[in-house]
Amino acid sequence: MISLVIIAIVGLLESFISTIYSKFRQRGKLLYTAISSITYNAVWFYMLARILENMSNWSLIVVYILFCAIGDILGLIFDKHIEKLAHLKGIKTKRRKNIKRRR
């Protein structure tokens, strides 16, 4: 039987990576988006297999759901800190607005 601790940690990581993936995608960071997408999908398939193996164990499902919510919150907090650090170092993290090219 799979441990509640493993389910909690993997659920937290899955949601954290998902939130960070969304932020990278919004900013147009291709490499970071690809890396976080691959990681997220690998974790998601692992979790899907574990949940399907243990469908009758409701405690696993509840722990997974709760830690997914915590992972989302941590992802948003982490993103705010990245923005602050980038701002302090003078790094632009916002996407550039449409720039008209001269012909």
PDB file of N, CA and C in Angstrom:
ATOM      1  N   MET A   1       0.847  -1.187   0.000  1.00  0.00           N
ATOM      2  CA  MET A   1       0.000   0.000   0.000  1.00  0.00           C
ATOM      3  C   MET A   1       0.887   1.243   0.000  1.00  0.00           C
ATOM      4  N   ILE A   2       0.469   2.213  -0.744  1.00  0.00           N
ATOM      5  CA  ILE A   2       1.245   3.434  -0.867  1.00  0.00           C
ATOM      6  C   ILE A   2       1.035   4.317   0.365  1.00  0.00           C
ATOM      7  N   SER A   3       2.059   4.961   0.774  1.00  0.00           N
ATOM      8  CA  SER A   3       2.042   5.749   1.997  1.00  0.00           C
ATOM      9  C   SER A   3       1.321   7.086   1.802  1.00  0.00           C
ATOM     10  N   LEU A   4       0.644   7.529   2.864  1.00  0.00           N
ATOM     11  CA  LEU A   4      -0.015   8.841   2.831  1.00  0.00           C
ATOM     12  C   LEU A   4       1.002   9.962   2.663  1.00  0.00           C
ATOM     13  N   VAL A   5       2.177   9.783   3.231  1.00  0.00           N
ATOM     14  CA  VAL A   5       3.214  10.819   3.131  1.00  0.00           C
ATOM     15  C   VAL A   5       3.673  10.982   1.686  1.00  0.00           C
ATOM     16  N   ILE A   6       3.864   9.874   0.997  1.00  0.00           N
ATOM     17  CA  ILE A   6       4.286   9.947  -0.406  1.00  0.00           C
ATOM     18  C   ILE A   6       3.208  10.612  -1.250  1.00  0.00           C
ATOM     19  N   ILE A   7       1.953  10.246  -1.019  1.00  0.00           N
ATOM     20  CA  ILE A   7       0.834  10.867  -1.745  1.00  0.00           C
ATOM     21  C   ILE A   7       0.801  12.367  -1.477  1.00  0.00           C
ATOM     22  N   ALA A   8       0.991  12.758  -0.222  1.00  0.00           N
ATOM     23  CA  ALA A   8       0.960  14.180   0.141  1.00  0.00           C
ATOM     24  C   ALA A   8       2.080  14.944  -0.564  1.00  0.00           C
ATOM     25  N   ILE A   9       3.288  14.416  -0.514  1.00  0.00           N
ATOM     26  CA  ILE A   9       4.431  15.104  -1.116  1.00  0.00           C
ATOM     27  C   ILE A   9       4.276  15.194  -2.633  1.00  0.00           C
ATOM     28  N   VAL A  10       3.883  14.110  -3.257  1.00  0.00           N
ATOM     29  CA  VAL A  10       3.748  14.105  -4.714  1.00  0.00           C
ATOM     30  C   VAL A  10       2.590  15.003  -5.149  1.00  0.00           C
ATOM     31  N   GLY A  11       1.484  15.013  -4.406  1.00  0.00           N
ATOM     32  CA  GLY A  11       0.368  15.907  -4.716  1.00  0.00           C
ATOM     33  C   GLY A  11       0.772  17.369  -4.610  1.00  0.00           C
ATOM     34  N   LEU A  12       1.536  17.690  -3.576  1.00  0.00           N
ATOM     35  CA  LEU A  12       2.026  19.048  -3.389  1.00  0.00           C
ATOM     36  C   LEU A  12       2.944  19.444  -4.543  1.00  0.00           C
ATOM     37  N   LEU A  13       3.874  18.569  -4.894  1.00  0.00           N
ATOM     38  CA  LEU A  13       4.791  18.853  -6.005  1.00  0.00           C
ATOM     39  C   LEU A  13       4.059  19.012  -7.326  1.00  0.00           C
ATOM     40  N   GLU A  14       3.070  18.160  -7.553  1.00  0.00           N
ATOM     41  CA  GLU A  14       2.320  18.241  -8.813  1.00  0.00           C
ATOM     42  C   GLU A  14       1.650  19.600  -8.974  1.00  0.00           C
ATOM     43  N   SER A  15       0.966  20.051  -7.953  1.00  0.00           N
ATOM     44  CA  SER A  15       0.273  21.336  -8.052  1.00  0.00           C
ATOM     45  C   SER A  15       1.242  22.504  -8.084  1.00  0.00           C
ATOM     46  N   PHE A  16       2.329  22.416  -7.331  1.00  0.00           N
ATOM     47  CA  PHE A  16       3.340  23.467  -7.343  1.00  0.00           C
ATOM     48  C   PHE A  16       3.922  23.617  -8.741  1.00  0.00           C
ATOM     49  N   ILE A  17       4.306  22.501  -9.346  1.00  0.00           N
ATOM     50  CA  ILE A  17       4.885  22.529 -10.689  1.00  0.00           C
ATOM     51  C   ILE A  17       3.856  23.018 -11.706  1.00  0.00           C
ATOM     52  N   SER A  18       2.601  22.628 -11.534  1.00  0.00           N
ATOM     53  CA  SER A  18       1.549  23.076 -12.434  1.00  0.00           C
ATOM     54  C   SER A  18       1.379  24.594 -12.391  1.00  0.00           C
ATOM     55  N   THR A  19       1.428  25.157 -11.199  1.00  0.00           N
ATOM     56  CA  THR A  19       1.287  26.606 -11.046  1.00  0.00           C
ATOM     57  C   THR A  19       2.476  27.328 -11.676  1.00  0.00           C
ATOM     58  N   ILE A  20       3.671  26.830 -11.421  1.00  0.00           N
ATOM     59  CA  ILE A  20       4.867  27.438 -11.997  1.00  0.00           C
ATOM     60  C   ILE A  20       4.855  27.305 -13.528  1.00  0.00           C
ATOM     61  N   TYR A  21       4.410  26.147 -14.016  1.00  0.00           N
ATOM     62  CA  TYR A  21       4.290  25.935 -15.469  1.00  0.00           C
ATOM     63  C   TYR A  21       3.388  27.008 -16.093  1.00  0.00           C
ATOM     64  N   SER A  22       2.261  27.268 -15.456  1.00  0.00           N
ATOM     65  CA  SER A  22       1.330  28.277 -15.977  1.00  0.00           C
ATOM     66  C   SER A  22       1.976  29.650 -16.034  1.00  0.00           C
ATOM     67  N   LYS A  23       2.749  29.990 -15.003  1.00  0.00           N
ATOM     68  CA  LYS A  23       3.414  31.299 -14.974  1.00  0.00           C
ATOM     69  C   LYS A  23       4.466  31.401 -16.078  1.00  0.00           C
ATOM     70  N   PHE A  24       5.253  30.342 -16.260  1.00  0.00           N
ATOM     71  CA  PHE A  24       6.258  30.363 -17.333  1.00  0.00           C
ATOM     72  C   PHE A  24       5.590  30.486 -18.689  1.00  0.00           C
ATOM     73  N   ARG A  25       4.473  29.788 -18.868  1.00  0.00           N
ATOM     74  CA  ARG A  25       3.769  29.830 -20.149  1.00  0.00           C
ATOM     75  C   ARG A  25       3.218  31.225 -20.429  1.00  0.00           C
ATOM     76  N   GLN A  26       2.680  31.873 -19.406  1.00  0.00           N
ATOM     77  CA  GLN A  26       2.162  33.235 -19.572  1.00  0.00           C
ATOM     78  C   GLN A  26       3.263  34.200 -19.977  1.00  0.00           C
ATOM     79  N   ARG A  27       4.466  33.975 -19.463  1.00  0.00           N
ATOM     80  CA  ARG A  27       5.577  34.884 -19.736  1.00  0.00           C
ATOM     81  C   ARG A  27       6.317  34.545 -21.029  1.00  0.00           C
ATOM     82  N   GLY A  28       5.962  33.429 -21.647  1.00  0.00           N
ATOM     83  CA  GLY A  28       6.606  33.063 -22.903  1.00  0.00           C
ATOM     84  C   GLY A  28       7.996  32.483 -22.732  1.00  0.00           C
ATOM     85  N   LYS A  29       8.291  31.904 -21.597  1.00  0.00           N
ATOM     86  CA  LYS A  29       9.600  31.279 -21.344  1.00  0.00           C
ATOM     87  C   LYS A  29       9.561  29.850 -21.875  1.00  0.00           C
ATOM     88  N   LEU A  30      10.017  29.655 -23.105  1.00  0.00           N
ATOM     89  CA  LEU A  30       9.857  28.377 -23.796  1.00  0.00           C
ATOM     90  C   LEU A  30      10.579  27.224 -23.101  1.00  0.00           C
ATOM     91  N   LEU A  31      11.836  27.393 -22.770  1.00  0.00           N
ATOM     92  CA  LEU A  31      12.604  26.311 -22.157  1.00  0.00           C
ATOM     93  C   LEU A  31      12.027  25.926 -20.796  1.00  0.00           C
ATOM     94  N   TYR A  32      11.753  26.917 -19.954  1.00  0.00           N
ATOM     95  CA  TYR A  32      11.200  26.643 -18.621  1.00  0.00           C
ATOM     96  C   TYR A  32       9.809  26.020 -18.724  1.00  0.00           C
ATOM     97  N   THR A  33       9.031  26.461 -19.706  1.00  0.00           N
ATOM     98  CA  THR A  33       7.703  25.881 -19.914  1.00  0.00           C
ATOM     99  C   THR A  33       7.826  24.411 -20.299  1.00  0.00           C
ATOM    100  N   ALA A  34       8.734  24.091 -21.191  1.00  0.00           N
ATOM    101  CA  ALA A  34       8.913  22.704 -21.625  1.00  0.00           C
ATOM    102  C   ALA A  34       9.377  21.817 -20.467  1.00  0.00           C
ATOM    103  N   ILE A  35      10.351  22.285 -19.706  1.00  0.00           N
ATOM    104  CA  ILE A  35      10.872  21.496 -18.582  1.00  0.00           C
ATOM    105  C   ILE A  35       9.792  21.276 -17.530  1.00  0.00           C
ATOM    106  N   SER A  36       9.075  22.335 -17.172  1.00  0.00           N
ATOM    107  CA  SER A  36       8.041  22.190 -16.144  1.00  0.00           C
ATOM    108  C   SER A  36       6.871  21.353 -16.659  1.00  0.00           C
ATOM    109  N   SER A  37       6.563  21.421 -17.950  1.00  0.00           N
ATOM    110  CA  SER A  37       5.486  20.613 -18.514  1.00  0.00           C
ATOM    111  C   SER A  37       5.832  19.129 -18.482  1.00  0.00           C
ATOM    112  N   ILE A  38       7.049  18.795 -18.864  1.00  0.00           N
ATOM    113  CA  ILE A  38       7.483  17.395 -18.830  1.00  0.00           C
ATOM    114  C   ILE A  38       7.450  16.862 -17.397  1.00  0.00           C
ATOM    115  N   THR A  39       7.960  17.642 -16.469  1.00  0.00           N
ATOM    116  CA  THR A  39       7.971  17.229 -15.057  1.00  0.00           C
ATOM    117  C   THR A  39       6.559  17.071 -14.531  1.00  0.00           C
ATOM    118  N   TYR A  40       5.703  18.045 -14.817  1.00  0.00           N
ATOM    119  CA  TYR A  40       4.320  17.999 -14.341  1.00  0.00           C
ATOM    120  C   TYR A  40       3.602  16.757 -14.868  1.00  0.00           C
ATOM    121  N   ASN A  41       3.739  16.492 -16.163  1.00  0.00           N
ATOM    122  CA  ASN A  41       3.043  15.347 -16.751  1.00  0.00           C
ATOM    123  C   ASN A  41       3.572  14.016 -16.220  1.00  0.00           C
ATOM    124  N   ALA A  42       4.865  13.917 -15.971  1.00  0.00           N
ATOM    125  CA  ALA A  42       5.422  12.687 -15.389  1.00  0.00           C
ATOM    126  C   ALA A  42       4.850  12.451 -13.991  1.00  0.00           C
ATOM    127  N   VAL A  43       4.807  13.494 -13.194  1.00  0.00           N
ATOM    128  CA  VAL A  43       4.250  13.372 -11.838  1.00  0.00           C
ATOM    129  C   VAL A  43       2.760  13.059 -11.912  1.00  0.00           C
ATOM    130  N   TRP A  44       2.054  13.691 -12.838  1.00  0.00           N
ATOM    131  CA  TRP A  44       0.611  13.485 -12.958  1.00  0.00           C
ATOM    132  C   TRP A  44       0.297  12.034 -13.313  1.00  0.00           C
ATOM    133  N   PHE A  45       1.038  11.458 -14.268  1.00  0.00           N
ATOM    134  CA  PHE A  45       0.796  10.063 -14.630  1.00  0.00           C
ATOM    135  C   PHE A  45       1.120   9.116 -13.479  1.00  0.00           C
ATOM    136  N   TYR A  46       2.165   9.419 -12.734  1.00  0.00           N
ATOM    137  CA  TYR A  46       2.494   8.611 -11.556  1.00  0.00           C
ATOM    138  C   TYR A  46       1.339   8.638 -10.561  1.00  0.00           C
ATOM    139  N   MET A  47       0.820   9.838 -10.303  1.00  0.00           N
ATOM    140  CA  MET A  47      -0.277   9.980  -9.336  1.00  0.00           C
ATOM    141  C   MET A  47      -1.545   9.305  -9.844  1.00  0.00           C
ATOM    142  N   LEU A  48      -1.822   9.430 -11.108  1.00  0.00           N
ATOM    143  CA  LEU A  48      -3.003   8.804 -11.673  1.00  0.00           C
ATOM    144  C   LEU A  48      -2.958   7.289 -11.468  1.00  0.00           C
ATOM    145  N   ALA A  49      -1.806   6.694 -11.715  1.00  0.00           N
ATOM    146  CA  ALA A  49      -1.656   5.247 -11.521  1.00  0.00           C
ATOM    147  C   ALA A  49      -1.841   4.866 -10.053  1.00  0.00           C
ATOM    148  N   ARG A  50      -1.270   5.644  -9.138  1.00  0.00           N
ATOM    149  CA  ARG A  50      -1.389   5.340  -7.703  1.00  0.00           C
ATOM    150  C   ARG A  50      -2.827   5.488  -7.214  1.00  0.00           C
ATOM    151  N   ILE A  51      -3.512   6.523  -7.674  1.00  0.00           N
ATOM    152  CA  ILE A  51      -4.902   6.744  -7.244  1.00  0.00           C
ATOM    153  C   ILE A  51      -5.795   5.627  -7.793  1.00  0.00           C
ATOM    154  N   LEU A  52      -5.595   5.248  -9.053  1.00  0.00           N
ATOM    155  CA  LEU A  52      -6.416   4.180  -9.631  1.00  0.00           C
ATOM    156  C   LEU A  52      -6.176   2.839  -8.945  1.00  0.00           C
ATOM    157  N   GLU A  53      -4.941   2.592  -8.507  1.00  0.00           N
ATOM    158  CA  GLU A  53      -4.648   1.361  -7.777  1.00  0.00           C
ATOM    159  C   GLU A  53      -5.329   1.317  -6.412  1.00  0.00           C
ATOM    160  N   ASN A  54      -5.576   2.491  -5.835  1.00  0.00           N
ATOM    161  CA  ASN A  54      -6.093   2.573  -4.473  1.00  0.00           C
ATOM    162  C   ASN A  54      -7.425   3.325  -4.404  1.00  0.00           C
ATOM    163  N   MET A  55      -8.296   3.107  -5.380  1.00  0.00           N
ATOM    164  CA  MET A  55      -9.563   3.854  -5.445  1.00  0.00           C
ATOM    165  C   MET A  55     -10.442   3.669  -4.216  1.00  0.00           C
ATOM    166  N   SER A  56     -10.337   2.559  -3.552  1.00  0.00           N
ATOM    167  CA  SER A  56     -11.201   2.320  -2.385  1.00  0.00           C
ATOM    168  C   SER A  56     -10.686   3.007  -1.126  1.00  0.00           C
ATOM    169  N   ASN A  57      -9.477   3.525  -1.162  1.00  0.00           N
ATOM    170  CA  ASN A  57      -8.896   4.176   0.011  1.00  0.00           C
ATOM    171  C   ASN A  57      -9.152   5.685  -0.060  1.00  0.00           C
ATOM    172  N   TRP A  58     -10.225   6.121   0.568  1.00  0.00           N
ATOM    173  CA  TRP A  58     -10.623   7.528   0.509  1.00  0.00           C
ATOM    174  C   TRP A  58      -9.648   8.450   1.219  1.00  0.00           C
ATOM    175  N   SER A  59      -8.952   7.950   2.226  1.00  0.00           N
ATOM    176  CA  SER A  59      -7.998   8.808   2.932  1.00  0.00           C
ATOM    177  C   SER A  59      -6.880   9.253   1.994  1.00  0.00           C
ATOM    178  N   LEU A  60      -6.441   8.381   1.088  1.00  0.00           N
ATOM    179  CA  LEU A  60      -5.418   8.768   0.112  1.00  0.00           C
ATOM    180  C   LEU A  60      -5.919   9.871  -0.809  1.00  0.00           C
ATOM    181  N   ILE A  61      -7.146   9.735  -1.254  1.00  0.00           N
ATOM    182  CA  ILE A  61      -7.712  10.721  -2.176  1.00  0.00           C
ATOM    183  C   ILE A  61      -7.876  12.074  -1.495  1.00  0.00           C
ATOM    184  N   VAL A  62      -8.349  12.070  -0.246  1.00  0.00           N
ATOM    185  CA  VAL A  62      -8.535  13.323   0.494  1.00  0.00           C
ATOM    186  C   VAL A  62      -7.185  13.999   0.752  1.00  0.00           C
ATOM    187  N   VAL A  63      -6.184  13.229   1.168  1.00  0.00           N
ATOM    188  CA  VAL A  63      -4.851  13.792   1.410  1.00  0.00           C
ATOM    189  C   VAL A  63      -4.289  14.377   0.118  1.00  0.00           C
ATOM    190  N   TYR A  64      -4.453  13.659  -0.978  1.00  0.00           N
ATOM    191  CA  TYR A  64      -3.973  14.143  -2.275  1.00  0.00           C
ATOM    192  C   TYR A  64      -4.630  15.471  -2.644  1.00  0.00           C
ATOM    193  N   ILE A  65      -5.936  15.558  -2.494  1.00  0.00           N
ATOM    194  CA  ILE A  65      -6.665  16.783  -2.833  1.00  0.00           C
ATOM    195  C   ILE A  65      -6.214  17.949  -1.962  1.00  0.00           C
ATOM    196  N   LEU A  66      -6.072  17.717  -0.665  1.00  0.00           N
ATOM    197  CA  LEU A  66      -5.642  18.791   0.243  1.00  0.00           C
ATOM    198  C   LEU A  66      -4.235  19.282  -0.086  1.00  0.00           C
ATOM    199  N   PHE A  67      -3.333  18.363  -0.352  1.00  0.00           N
ATOM    200  CA  PHE A  67      -1.967  18.781  -0.646  1.00  0.00           C
ATOM    201  C   PHE A  67      -1.831  19.383  -2.046  1.00  0.00           C
ATOM    202  N   CYS A  68      -2.719  19.058  -2.945  1.00  0.00           N
ATOM    203  CA  CYS A  68      -2.746  19.755  -4.237  1.00  0.00           C
ATOM    204  C   CYS A  68      -3.093  21.227  -4.028  1.00  0.00           C
ATOM    205  N   ALA A  69      -4.046  21.501  -3.154  1.00  0.00           N
ATOM    206  CA  ALA A  69      -4.411  22.889  -2.851  1.00  0.00           C
ATOM    207  C   ALA A  69      -3.244  23.625  -2.209  1.00  0.00           C
ATOM    208  N   ILE A  70      -2.545  22.966  -1.294  1.00  0.00           N
ATOM    209  CA  ILE A  70      -1.375  23.585  -0.665  1.00  0.00           C
ATOM    210  C   ILE A  70      -0.287  23.847  -1.703  1.00  0.00           C
ATOM    211  N   GLY A  71      -0.094  22.940  -2.632  1.00  0.00           N
ATOM    212  CA  GLY A  71       0.895  23.125  -3.700  1.00  0.00           C
ATOM    213  C   GLY A  71       0.577  24.317  -4.583  1.00  0.00           C
ATOM    214  N   ASP A  72      -0.698  24.525  -4.883  1.00  0.00           N
ATOM    215  CA  ASP A  72      -1.098  25.708  -5.656  1.00  0.00           C
ATOM    216  C   ASP A  72      -0.758  26.995  -4.908  1.00  0.00           C
ATOM    217  N   ILE A  73      -1.072  27.020  -3.626  1.00  0.00           N
ATOM    218  CA  ILE A  73      -0.785  28.206  -2.808  1.00  0.00           C
ATOM    219  C   ILE A  73       0.715  28.466  -2.755  1.00  0.00           C
ATOM    220  N   LEU A  74       1.506  27.422  -2.533  1.00  0.00           N
ATOM    221  CA  LEU A  74       2.962  27.590  -2.490  1.00  0.00           C
ATOM    222  C   LEU A  74       3.512  28.051  -3.834  1.00  0.00           C
ATOM    223  N   GLY A  75       2.947  27.575  -4.922  1.00  0.00           N
ATOM    224  CA  GLY A  75       3.369  28.021  -6.249  1.00  0.00           C
ATOM    225  C   GLY A  75       3.140  29.504  -6.449  1.00  0.00           C
ATOM    226  N   LEU A  76       2.001  30.002  -5.987  1.00  0.00           N
ATOM    227  CA  LEU A  76       1.717  31.433  -6.098  1.00  0.00           C
ATOM    228  C   LEU A  76       2.626  32.264  -5.210  1.00  0.00           C
ATOM    229  N   ILE A  77       2.907  31.774  -4.000  1.00  0.00           N
ATOM    230  CA  ILE A  77       3.826  32.483  -3.104  1.00  0.00           C
ATOM    231  C   ILE A  77       5.230  32.501  -3.704  1.00  0.00           C
ATOM    232  N   PHE A  78       5.670  31.374  -4.222  1.00  0.00           N
ATOM    233  CA  PHE A  78       6.982  31.281  -4.845  1.00  0.00           C
ATOM    234  C   PHE A  78       7.101  32.258  -6.009  1.00  0.00           C
ATOM    235  N   ASP A  79       6.058  32.361  -6.809  1.00  0.00           N
ATOM    236  CA  ASP A  79       6.064  33.275  -7.947  1.00  0.00           C
ATOM    237  C   ASP A  79       6.223  34.723  -7.502  1.00  0.00           C
ATOM    238  N   LYS A  80       5.556  35.105  -6.429  1.00  0.00           N
ATOM    239  CA  LYS A  80       5.690  36.474  -5.920  1.00  0.00           C
ATOM    240  C   LYS A  80       7.127  36.760  -5.509  1.00  0.00           C
ATOM    241  N   HIS A  81       7.793  35.802  -4.880  1.00  0.00           N
ATOM    242  CA  HIS A  81       9.174  36.004  -4.455  1.00  0.00           C
ATOM    243  C   HIS A  81      10.121  36.087  -5.641  1.00  0.00           C
ATOM    244  N   ILE A  82       9.866  35.320  -6.670  1.00  0.00           N
ATOM    245  CA  ILE A  82      10.685  35.400  -7.884  1.00  0.00           C
ATOM    246  C   ILE A  82      10.556  36.792  -8.497  1.00  0.00           C
ATOM    247  N   GLU A  83       9.332  37.316  -8.549  1.00  0.00           N
ATOM    248  CA  GLU A  83       9.111  38.667  -9.087  1.00  0.00           C
ATOM    249  C   GLU A  83       9.876  39.708  -8.269  1.00  0.00           C
ATOM    250  N   LYS A  84       9.846  39.598  -6.942  1.00  0.00           N
ATOM    251  CA  LYS A  84      10.543  40.555  -6.080  1.00  0.00           C
ATOM    252  C   LYS A  84      12.048  40.480  -6.297  1.00  0.00           C
ATOM    253  N   LEU A  85      12.608  39.287  -6.355  1.00  0.00           N
ATOM    254  CA  LEU A  85      14.042  39.133  -6.568  1.00  0.00           C
ATOM    255  C   LEU A  85      14.457  39.674  -7.929  1.00  0.00           C
ATOM    256  N   ALA A  86      13.669  39.389  -8.937  1.00  0.00           N
ATOM    257  CA  ALA A  86      13.980  39.879 -10.281  1.00  0.00           C
ATOM    258  C   ALA A  86      13.924  41.399 -10.321  1.00  0.00           C
ATOM    259  N   HIS A  87      12.960  41.978  -9.632  1.00  0.00           N
ATOM    260  CA  HIS A  87      12.832  43.438  -9.600  1.00  0.00           C
ATOM    261  C   HIS A  87      14.028  44.070  -8.891  1.00  0.00           C
ATOM    262  N   LEU A  88      14.486  43.464  -7.795  1.00  0.00           N
ATOM    263  CA  LEU A  88      15.632  43.988  -7.060  1.00  0.00           C
ATOM    264  C   LEU A  88      16.908  43.948  -7.888  1.00  0.00           C
ATOM    265  N   LYS A  89      17.049  42.935  -8.714  1.00  0.00           N
ATOM    266  CA  LYS A  89      18.245  42.801  -9.537  1.00  0.00           C
ATOM    267  C   LYS A  89      18.106  43.506 -10.881  1.00  0.00           C
ATOM    268  N   GLY A  90      16.960  44.111 -11.133  1.00  0.00           N
ATOM    269  CA  GLY A  90      16.759  44.839 -12.379  1.00  0.00           C
ATOM    270  C   GLY A  90      16.446  43.970 -13.573  1.00  0.00           C
ATOM    271  N   ILE A  91      15.991  42.750 -13.334  1.00  0.00           N
ATOM    272  CA  ILE A  91      15.663  41.840 -14.425  1.00  0.00           C
ATOM    273  C   ILE A  91      14.214  42.051 -14.818  1.00  0.00           C
ATOM    274  N   LYS A  92      13.958  42.192 -16.097  1.00  0.00           N
ATOM    275  CA  LYS A  92      12.587  42.352 -16.562  1.00  0.00           C
ATOM    276  C   LYS A  92      11.952  40.974 -16.706  1.00  0.00           C
ATOM    277  N   THR A  93      10.817  40.772 -16.024  1.00  0.00           N
ATOM    278  CA  THR A  93      10.148  39.473 -16.102  1.00  0.00           C
ATOM    279  C   THR A  93       8.835  39.549 -16.851  1.00  0.00           C
ATOM    280  N   LYS A  94       8.379  40.731 -17.168  1.00  0.00           N
ATOM    281  CA  LYS A  94       7.110  40.876 -17.888  1.00  0.00           C
ATOM    282  C   LYS A  94       7.338  40.663 -19.368  1.00  0.00           C
ATOM    283  N   ARG A  95       6.296  40.206 -20.033  1.00  0.00           N
ATOM    284  CA  ARG A  95       6.383  40.039 -21.479  1.00  0.00           C
ATOM    285  C   ARG A  95       6.426  41.405 -22.139  1.00  0.00           C
ATOM    286  N   ARG A  96       7.163  41.485 -23.223  1.00  0.00           N
ATOM    287  CA  ARG A  96       7.212  42.744 -23.963  1.00  0.00           C
ATOM    288  C   ARG A  96       5.892  42.948 -24.694  1.00  0.00           C
ATOM    289  N   LYS A  97       5.481  44.188 -24.744  1.00  0.00           N
ATOM    290  CA  LYS A  97       4.279  44.521 -25.493  1.00  0.00           C
ATOM    291  C   LYS A  97       4.601  44.474 -26.979  1.00  0.00           C
ATOM    292  N   ASN A  98       3.582  44.417 -27.775  1.00  0.00           N
ATOM    293  CA  ASN A  98       3.780  44.364 -29.221  1.00  0.00           C
ATOM    294  C   ASN A  98       4.583  45.573 -29.680  1.00  0.00           C
ATOM    295  N   ILE A  99       5.694  45.284 -30.315  1.00  0.00           N
ATOM    296  CA  ILE A  99       6.561  46.348 -30.814  1.00  0.00           C
ATOM    297  C   ILE A  99       6.449  46.359 -32.326  1.00  0.00           C
ATOM    298  N   LYS A 100       6.156  47.541 -32.848  1.00  0.00           N
ATOM    299  CA  LYS A 100       6.056  47.662 -34.297  1.00  0.00           C
ATOM    300  C   LYS A 100       7.441  47.702 -34.894  1.00  0.00           C
ATOM    301  N   ARG A 101       7.623  46.909 -35.908  1.00  0.00           N
ATOM    302  CA  ARG A 101       8.918  46.892 -36.593  1.00  0.00           C
ATOM    303  C   ARG A 101       8.944  47.952 -37.667  1.00  0.00           C
ATOM    304  N   ARG A 102      10.111  48.530 -37.808  1.00  0.00           N
ATOM    305  CA  ARG A 102      10.301  49.508 -38.889  1.00  0.00           C
ATOM    306  C   ARG A 102      10.599  48.768 -40.166  1.00  0.00           C
ATOM    307  N   ARG A 103      10.022  49.211 -41.228  1.00  0.00           N
ATOM    308  CA  ARG A 103      10.259  48.559 -42.523  1.00  0.00           C
ATOM    309  C   ARG A 103      11.066  49.448 -43.418  1.00  0.00           C
TER     310      ARG A 103
END
